[in-house]
Amino acid sequence: MTSQSQGIQQLLQAEKRAKDKLEEAKKRKGKRLKQAKEEATAEIDHYRLQREKEFRNKETNVMGSQGNFSAKIEEQTTEAIRNLTSSYHRNMESMMKKLLSTVCDISPEIHPNFRPVV
């Protein structure tokens, strides 16, 4: 009977060792999967940055710098405002005279289509 219980004990110990080895293998597999995932993420990030840099270079070559466009537009707007202001100051006096003469200098006339009632 002791040999039988000894055999059972050996089987239980062997089963425990097998279970421990299986758990260790699962841990190693999980660790390798995690490491592979981190490496893949790093590689994807590197690739994405590289492609974005290439895209920005192509965009700059094709369309030019956005800051350059905004500076040109700002300069053109300032110039147009300056021209309109100078034109306003130059023509204000003569336009006021014309407007006042049109409103104040009335010459009453009979309209050409007027027909007196007889």
Protein backbone atom coordinates (compact mmCIF):
# COMPACT_ATOMS: atom_id res chain seq x y z
CA MET A 1 0.00 0.00 0.00
CA THR A 2 2.86 2.34 0.72
CA SER A 3 4.22 1.80 -2.75
CA GLN A 4 0.84 2.66 -4.15
CA SER A 5 0.58 5.85 -2.10
CA GLN A 6 4.19 6.60 -3.06
CA GLY A 7 3.26 6.20 -6.72
CA ILE A 8 0.25 8.48 -6.25
CA GLN A 9 2.46 11.05 -4.52
CA GLN A 10 4.93 10.89 -7.42
CA LEU A 11 2.09 11.32 -9.91
CA LEU A 12 0.74 14.31 -7.97
CA GLN A 13 4.21 15.85 -7.83
CA ALA A 14 4.70 15.24 -11.56
CA GLU A 15 1.30 16.78 -12.25
CA LYS A 16 2.23 19.82 -10.10
CA ARG A 17 5.55 20.23 -11.95
CA ALA A 18 3.76 19.97 -15.30
CA LYS A 19 1.22 22.56 -14.18
CA ASP A 20 4.04 24.88 -13.02
CA LYS A 21 5.84 24.45 -16.35
CA LEU A 22 2.60 25.15 -18.21
CA GLU A 23 1.99 28.34 -16.18
CA GLU A 24 5.60 29.45 -16.77
CA ALA A 25 5.17 28.85 -20.51
CA LYS A 26 1.93 30.88 -20.50
CA LYS A 27 3.71 33.74 -18.70
CA ARG A 28 6.57 33.67 -21.22
CA LYS A 29 4.08 33.62 -24.09
CA GLY A 30 2.17 36.58 -22.61
CA LYS A 31 5.41 38.47 -22.09
CA ARG A 32 6.50 37.79 -25.69
CA LEU A 33 3.11 38.89 -27.04
CA LYS A 34 3.27 42.11 -24.99
CA GLN A 35 6.82 42.79 -26.21
CA ALA A 36 5.81 42.10 -29.83
CA LYS A 37 2.84 44.43 -29.49
CA GLU A 38 5.04 47.22 -28.08
CA GLU A 39 7.56 46.76 -30.90
CA ALA A 40 4.78 46.83 -33.51
CA THR A 41 3.32 49.99 -31.97
CA ALA A 42 6.73 51.67 -31.98
CA GLU A 43 7.29 50.65 -35.61
CA ILE A 44 3.84 51.94 -36.61
CA ASP A 45 4.48 55.26 -34.86
CA HIS A 46 7.85 55.62 -36.59
CA TYR A 47 6.29 54.83 -39.99
CA ARG A 48 3.43 57.28 -39.37
CA LEU A 49 5.83 60.09 -38.43
CA GLN A 50 7.93 59.39 -41.51
CA ARG A 51 4.89 59.48 -43.82
CA GLU A 52 3.54 62.67 -42.21
CA LYS A 53 6.91 64.34 -42.70
CA GLU A 54 6.95 63.33 -46.37
CA PHE A 55 3.37 64.60 -46.77
CA ARG A 56 4.22 67.96 -45.22
CA ASN A 57 7.24 68.30 -47.52
CA LYS A 58 5.14 67.52 -50.61
CA GLU A 59 2.38 69.85 -49.44
CA THR A 60 4.89 72.67 -48.94
CA ASN A 61 6.42 72.06 -52.38
CA VAL A 62 3.05 71.99 -54.14
CA MET A 63 1.10 74.65 -52.28
CA GLY A 64 3.78 76.81 -50.74
CA SER A 65 3.84 78.09 -47.22
CA GLN A 66 0.50 79.07 -45.67
CA GLY A 67 2.19 81.80 -43.64
CA ASN A 68 3.49 83.34 -46.87
CA PHE A 69 -0.05 83.50 -48.29
CA SER A 70 -1.48 85.10 -45.19
CA ALA A 71 1.33 87.68 -45.13
CA LYS A 72 0.67 88.57 -48.79
CA ILE A 73 -3.07 88.88 -48.18
CA GLU A 74 -2.47 91.05 -45.12
CA GLU A 75 -0.16 93.31 -47.12
CA GLN A 76 -2.67 93.62 -50.00
CA THR A 77 -5.48 94.43 -47.56
CA THR A 78 -3.42 97.12 -45.87
CA GLU A 79 -2.54 98.65 -49.24
CA ALA A 80 -6.20 98.63 -50.35
CA ILE A 81 -7.29 100.32 -47.11
CA ARG A 82 -4.56 102.93 -47.52
CA ASN A 83 -5.68 103.65 -51.12
CA LEU A 84 -9.34 103.95 -50.13
CA THR A 85 -8.51 106.28 -47.24
CA SER A 86 -6.41 108.57 -49.42
CA SER A 87 -9.12 108.58 -52.12
CA TYR A 88 -11.72 109.45 -49.49
CA HIS A 89 -9.70 112.38 -48.16
CA ARG A 90 -8.91 113.59 -51.68
CA ASN A 91 -12.52 113.53 -52.96
CA MET A 92 -14.52 114.27 -49.81
CA GLU A 93 -14.65 118.08 -50.24
CA SER A 94 -15.72 118.05 -53.89
CA MET A 95 -18.39 115.38 -53.28
CA MET A 96 -19.84 117.33 -50.35
CA LYS A 97 -20.08 120.43 -52.55
CA LYS A 98 -21.81 118.48 -55.33
CA LEU A 99 -24.22 116.87 -52.91
CA LEU A 100 -25.11 120.16 -51.21
CA SER A 101 -25.56 121.96 -54.53
CA THR A 102 -27.85 119.21 -55.81
CA VAL A 103 -29.97 119.31 -52.66
CA CYS A 104 -30.00 123.06 -52.05
CA ASP A 105 -29.98 124.57 -55.54
CA ILE A 106 -33.49 123.93 -56.74
CA SER A 107 -34.69 125.25 -60.06
CA PRO A 108 -38.44 124.72 -60.38
CA GLU A 109 -39.51 123.60 -63.83
CA ILE A 110 -42.62 122.11 -65.29
CA HIS A 111 -42.25 118.54 -66.31
CA PRO A 112 -42.31 117.97 -70.08
CA ASN A 113 -45.21 115.50 -69.81
CA PHE A 114 -47.41 117.91 -67.83
CA ARG A 115 -50.65 118.84 -69.62
CA PRO A 116 -52.73 121.57 -68.16
CA VAL A 117 -56.39 120.76 -67.66
CA VAL A 118 -58.55 123.03 -69.84
